[in-house]
C-alpha atoms as a PDB file:
ATOM      1  CA  MET A   1     -40.416  23.695  -2.395  1.00  0.00           C
ATOM      2  CA  PHE A   2     -39.573  20.430  -4.202  1.00  0.00           C
ATOM      3  CA  ARG A   3     -36.813  22.121  -6.212  1.00  0.00           C
ATOM      4  CA  LEU A   4     -35.295  23.539  -3.041  1.00  0.00           C
ATOM      5  CA  SER A   5     -35.273  20.077  -1.431  1.00  0.00           C
ATOM      6  CA  VAL A   6     -33.663  18.474  -4.481  1.00  0.00           C
ATOM      7  CA  PHE A   7     -31.097  21.267  -4.622  1.00  0.00           C
ATOM      8  CA  SER A   8     -30.324  20.917  -0.917  1.00  0.00           C
ATOM      9  CA  LEU A   9     -29.955  17.158  -1.233  1.00  0.00           C
ATOM     10  CA  THR A  10     -27.663  17.574  -4.243  1.00  0.00           C
ATOM     11  CA  VAL A  11     -25.489  20.067  -2.380  1.00  0.00           C
ATOM     12  CA  LEU A  12     -25.217  17.731   0.614  1.00  0.00           C
ATOM     13  CA  VAL A  13     -24.265  14.756  -1.549  1.00  0.00           C
ATOM     14  CA  LEU A  14     -21.633  16.729  -3.436  1.00  0.00           C
ATOM     15  CA  ALA A  15     -20.230  18.133  -0.206  1.00  0.00           C
ATOM     16  CA  GLY A  16     -19.919  14.594   1.110  1.00  0.00           C
ATOM     17  CA  CYS A  17     -17.994  13.557  -1.993  1.00  0.00           C
ATOM     18  CA  GLY A  18     -15.657  16.504  -1.568  1.00  0.00           C
ATOM     19  CA  ALA A  19     -14.986  15.602   2.046  1.00  0.00           C
ATOM     20  CA  GLU A  20     -14.252  12.004   1.084  1.00  0.00           C
ATOM     21  CA  THR A  21     -11.884  13.152  -1.646  1.00  0.00           C
ATOM     22  CA  ALA A  22     -10.074  15.477   0.763  1.00  0.00           C
ATOM     23  CA  THR A  23      -9.747  12.693   3.331  1.00  0.00           C
ATOM     24  CA  THR A  24      -8.386  10.309   0.713  1.00  0.00           C
ATOM     25  CA  ALA A  25      -5.894  12.908  -0.479  1.00  0.00           C
ATOM     26  CA  ALA A  26      -4.726  13.524   3.084  1.00  0.00           C
ATOM     27  CA  THR A  27      -4.290   9.789   3.678  1.00  0.00           C
ATOM     28  CA  VAL A  28      -2.310   9.362   0.464  1.00  0.00           C
ATOM     29  CA  GLY A  29      -0.215  12.394   1.340  1.00  0.00           C
ATOM     30  CA  ALA A  30       0.612  10.979   4.773  1.00  0.00           C
ATOM     31  CA  ALA A  31       1.578   7.630   3.244  1.00  0.00           C
ATOM     32  CA  LYS A  32       3.845   9.336   0.690  1.00  0.00           C
ATOM     33  CA  LYS A  33       5.490  11.387   3.434  1.00  0.00           C
ATOM     34  CA  GLN A  34       6.218   8.218   5.405  1.00  0.00           C
ATOM     35  CA  GLU A  35       7.587   6.553   2.260  1.00  0.00           C
ATOM     36  CA  ILE A  36       9.915   9.510   1.668  1.00  0.00           C
ATOM     37  CA  GLU A  37      11.135   9.439   5.271  1.00  0.00           C
ATOM     38  CA  GLN A  38      11.881   5.709   5.020  1.00  0.00           C
ATOM     39  CA  GLY A  39      13.729   6.328   1.763  1.00  0.00           C
ATOM     40  CA  LYS A  40      15.853   9.008   3.422  1.00  0.00           C
ATOM     41  CA  GLN A  41      16.707   6.648   6.286  1.00  0.00           C
ATOM     42  CA  THR A  42      17.681   3.904   3.857  1.00  0.00           C
ATOM     43  CA  MET A  43      19.837   6.325   1.869  1.00  0.00           C
ATOM     44  CA  GLU A  44      21.610   7.483   5.051  1.00  0.00           C
ATOM     45  CA  GLN A  45      22.273   3.863   6.070  1.00  0.00           C
ATOM     46  CA  VAL A  46      23.692   3.037   2.635  1.00  0.00           C
ATOM     47  CA  GLN A  47      25.896   6.139   2.683  1.00  0.00           C
ATOM     48  CA  GLN A  48      27.188   5.181   6.124  1.00  0.00           C
ATOM     49  CA  LYS A  49      28.004   1.646   4.968  1.00  0.00           C
ATOM     50  CA  VAL A  50      29.773   2.976   1.871  1.00  0.00           C
ATOM     51  CA  GLY A  51      31.815   5.312   4.060  1.00  0.00           C
ATOM     52  CA  GLU A  52      32.757   2.450   6.373  1.00  0.00           C
ATOM     53  CA  SER A  53      33.753   0.303   3.394  1.00  0.00           C
ATOM     54  CA  LEU A  54      35.948   3.079   2.007  1.00  0.00           C
ATOM     55  CA  GLN A  55      37.658   3.476   5.378  1.00  0.00           C
ATOM     56  CA  GLN A  56      38.315  -0.268   5.562  1.00  0.00           C
ATOM     57  CA  MET A  57      39.799  -0.236   2.067  1.00  0.00           C
ATOM     58  CA  GLN A  58      42.072   2.703   2.899  1.00  0.00           C
ATOM     59  CA  SER A  59      43.286   1.286   6.217  1.00  0.00           C
ATOM     60  CA  PRO A  60      45.421  -1.521   4.722  1.00  0.00           C
ATOM     61  CA  ALA A  61      46.891   0.904   2.187  1.00  0.00           C
ATOM     62  CA  ARG A  62      47.972   3.245   4.995  1.00  0.00           C
ATOM     63  CA  ALA A  63      49.414   0.366   7.002  1.00  0.00           C
ATOM     64  CA  ALA A  64      51.513  -0.674   3.997  1.00  0.00           C
ATOM     65  CA  ASP A  65      53.023   2.821   3.705  1.00  0.00           C
END
């Protein structure tokens, strides 16, 4: 009976650790996903600004022709 109780308690404790680990992994995963999305937005903004700069540089050259 004592061995069964110790075994049951051990299983419950280990299951709790597994749940905590899974929750932590999910939280980290969500944070990384948000970080990636912000990086994509920043990259798109930079690309847009570069495109605008290129257009501004080409406009005077076309006007001179």
